[in-house]
Protein backbone atom coordinates (compact mmCIF):
# COMPACT_ATOMS: atom_id res chain seq x y z
CA MET A 1 32.74 10.67 -14.03
CA PRO A 2 31.49 8.92 -17.58
CA PRO A 3 31.50 11.68 -20.44
CA GLY A 4 28.03 13.36 -20.67
CA GLN A 5 27.19 12.34 -17.16
CA ALA A 6 26.40 15.64 -15.06
CA LYS A 7 27.75 16.01 -11.86
CA ARG A 8 25.35 15.55 -9.09
CA MET A 9 24.65 18.47 -7.31
CA GLY A 10 22.05 17.87 -4.74
CA ALA A 11 19.51 15.36 -3.36
CA GLY A 12 16.01 14.86 -4.57
CA PRO A 13 14.30 13.89 -8.00
CA GLN A 14 16.20 16.39 -10.05
CA HIS A 15 19.26 16.71 -7.52
CA ASN A 16 18.08 20.33 -7.19
CA TRP A 17 17.75 20.15 -3.19
CA VAL A 18 20.48 22.09 -1.71
CA LYS A 19 21.41 23.54 1.84
CA GLY A 20 19.03 26.35 2.23
CA SER A 21 16.37 25.08 -0.26
CA ARG A 22 12.77 23.80 0.74
CA VAL A 23 11.70 20.12 0.51
CA PRO A 24 8.41 20.10 -0.63
CA SER A 25 5.81 18.74 2.08
CA GLN A 26 4.93 15.39 0.45
CA TYR A 27 8.47 14.47 1.21
CA ARG A 28 8.16 15.51 4.88
CA SER A 29 5.57 12.96 5.45
CA ARG A 30 5.94 9.97 7.70
CA HIS A 31 7.00 7.83 4.86
CA TYR A 32 10.54 9.83 4.46
CA VAL A 33 11.23 10.73 7.96
CA VAL A 34 13.90 8.99 9.85
CA SER A 35 12.82 7.96 13.26
CA ASP A 36 15.83 5.45 13.75
CA TRP A 37 18.47 7.95 13.07
CA HIS A 38 21.13 6.26 15.21
CA GLY A 39 20.41 3.35 13.26
CA HIS A 40 21.18 5.00 9.97
CA GLY A 41 24.42 6.03 11.24
CA LEU A 42 23.09 9.97 11.80
CA LYS A 43 23.60 12.57 14.66
CA ARG A 44 20.54 13.24 16.82
CA PRO A 45 18.67 15.95 15.06
CA PRO A 46 18.61 19.57 16.93
CA HIS A 47 15.41 20.29 18.34
CA GLY A 48 12.88 21.59 15.66
CA TYR A 49 14.54 19.13 12.92
CA GLN A 50 14.06 15.92 11.74
CA TRP A 51 15.85 13.46 9.41
CA VAL A 52 14.31 12.77 5.86
CA GLN A 53 15.34 9.99 3.68
CA TYR A 54 15.11 10.58 -0.06
CA GLY A 55 16.94 7.17 -1.55
CA GLY A 56 20.43 7.00 -0.07
CA ASP A 57 20.64 10.67 0.65
CA TYR A 58 19.64 12.14 4.06
CA LEU A 59 18.55 15.69 4.60
CA LEU A 60 18.52 17.57 7.92
CA ILE A 61 15.27 19.45 7.45
CA ALA A 62 13.63 22.35 9.75
CA VAL A 63 10.31 20.87 10.59
CA ALA A 64 8.36 24.17 10.78
CA THR A 65 9.39 25.09 7.18
CA GLY A 66 11.37 22.21 5.12
CA VAL A 67 14.34 24.27 5.14
CA ILE A 68 17.26 22.27 4.64
CA ALA A 69 20.16 22.51 7.02
CA GLN A 70 22.41 19.51 6.01
CA LEU A 71 22.76 17.00 3.45
CA ILE A 72 24.32 14.04 3.49
CA LEU A 73 24.45 12.30 -0.43
CA SER A 74 25.22 8.88 -1.19
CA TYR A 75 27.05 9.08 -4.64
């Protein structure tokens, strides 16, 4: 990692979305939801969950609450 560059910890605009945090509602819109999860190399989401993509990152979130259950980060 180049000097002065912070280690990336999570997803989202400020890289602060981590497992257990909540994705804001605007990022749960149809624009970010991954309907072709298989085509993106992701596993089928469990009932009540959906995959959301932000840039190259994928987040498995609870549909009802937006709480993140899993992250797949691109580096």
